[in-house]
Every structure is written in C-alpha cells, then in structure tokens.
C-alpha cells in the first residue's frame, strides 16, 4: 500500500503545482493571444491595402491596353 500512497501524493502535488502555475502563466497566455490577434489584424490591413492598389490599377488601365 505504501507505493500507492507515494503515487497519490505525487499526483496531488502535481495538481497543486499545476493550479499555481496556471495562475502565473495566465498573463503570458493572454499576451500570446493578443499578439496573435495583432498579427491577424496587420495581415488583414495589408491585404486590404494590396486589394485597393490592385483595384486602382485596374480602374486606371485604359481600354486599349491588353491585359
């Protein structure tokens, strides 16, 4: 029965350590999610600018110029 108690105690300590670690690591998770959303926002804005340039070039093309 003694080895089972050691495994159980290790499991309980690991669970407590995990709960404490999550409290300290949660701000880093929030920062990572914020940076990911910032990257997506920059990519979307860049795509909108590229699309606007493409549309402006397409509209300014004269009718006689082949594609």
Protein backbone atom coordinates (compact mmCIF):
# COMPACT_ATOMS: atom_id res chain seq x y z
CA UNK A 1 0.00 0.00 0.00
CA UNK A 2 2.96 2.31 0.57
CA UNK A 3 3.89 2.71 -3.16
CA UNK A 4 0.28 3.65 -3.95
CA UNK A 5 0.36 6.41 -1.34
CA UNK A 6 3.55 7.79 -2.89
CA UNK A 7 1.95 7.89 -6.34
CA UNK A 8 -1.17 9.52 -4.93
CA UNK A 9 0.88 12.13 -3.08
CA UNK A 10 2.85 12.86 -6.26
CA UNK A 11 -0.41 13.27 -8.18
CA UNK A 12 -1.83 15.66 -5.59
CA UNK A 13 1.38 17.72 -5.54
CA UNK A 14 1.43 17.83 -9.34
CA UNK A 15 -2.19 19.01 -9.37
CA UNK A 16 -1.45 21.75 -6.84
CA UNK A 17 1.66 22.80 -8.76
CA UNK A 18 -0.39 22.95 -11.98
CA UNK A 19 -3.05 25.13 -10.36
CA UNK A 20 -0.41 27.54 -9.05
CA UNK A 21 1.47 27.58 -12.38
CA UNK A 22 -1.70 28.38 -14.31
CA UNK A 23 -2.27 31.49 -12.19
CA UNK A 24 1.23 32.75 -13.03
CA UNK A 25 1.19 31.69 -16.70
CA UNK A 26 -2.27 33.08 -17.50
CA UNK A 27 -0.99 36.62 -18.25
CA UNK A 28 1.53 35.15 -20.72
CA UNK A 29 -1.27 33.26 -22.42
CA UNK A 30 -3.24 36.48 -22.71
CA UNK A 31 -0.23 38.27 -24.20
CA UNK A 32 0.28 35.45 -26.72
CA UNK A 33 -3.37 35.58 -27.79
CA UNK A 34 -3.19 39.37 -28.05
CA UNK A 35 -0.09 39.19 -30.24
CA UNK A 36 -1.76 36.59 -32.45
CA UNK A 37 -4.80 38.83 -32.95
CA UNK A 38 -2.46 41.78 -33.66
CA UNK A 39 -0.69 39.74 -36.34
CA UNK A 40 -4.02 38.79 -37.93
CA UNK A 41 -5.10 42.44 -37.86
CA UNK A 42 -1.89 43.58 -39.57
CA UNK A 43 -2.26 40.88 -42.23
CA UNK A 44 -5.88 41.87 -42.93
CA UNK A 45 -4.98 45.56 -43.19
CA UNK A 46 -2.10 44.71 -45.54
CA UNK A 47 -4.42 42.61 -47.69
CA UNK A 48 -6.95 45.47 -47.84
CA UNK A 49 -4.23 47.90 -48.96
CA UNK A 50 -2.98 45.44 -51.61
CA UNK A 51 -6.55 44.96 -52.85
CA UNK A 52 -7.10 48.73 -53.03
CA UNK A 53 -3.92 49.16 -55.07
CA UNK A 54 -4.98 46.32 -57.39
CA UNK A 55 -8.43 47.88 -57.91
CA UNK A 56 -6.93 51.35 -58.52
CA UNK A 57 -4.54 49.96 -61.14
CA UNK A 58 -7.33 48.01 -62.80
CA UNK A 59 -9.62 51.07 -63.00
CA UNK A 60 -6.88 53.38 -64.23
CA UNK A 61 -5.93 51.00 -67.07
CA UNK A 62 -7.00 52.38 -70.47
CA UNK A 63 -9.37 50.38 -72.68
CA UNK A 64 -6.80 49.94 -75.48
CA UNK A 65 -4.17 48.30 -73.27
CA UNK A 66 -4.32 44.49 -73.37
CA UNK A 67 -4.49 42.67 -70.06
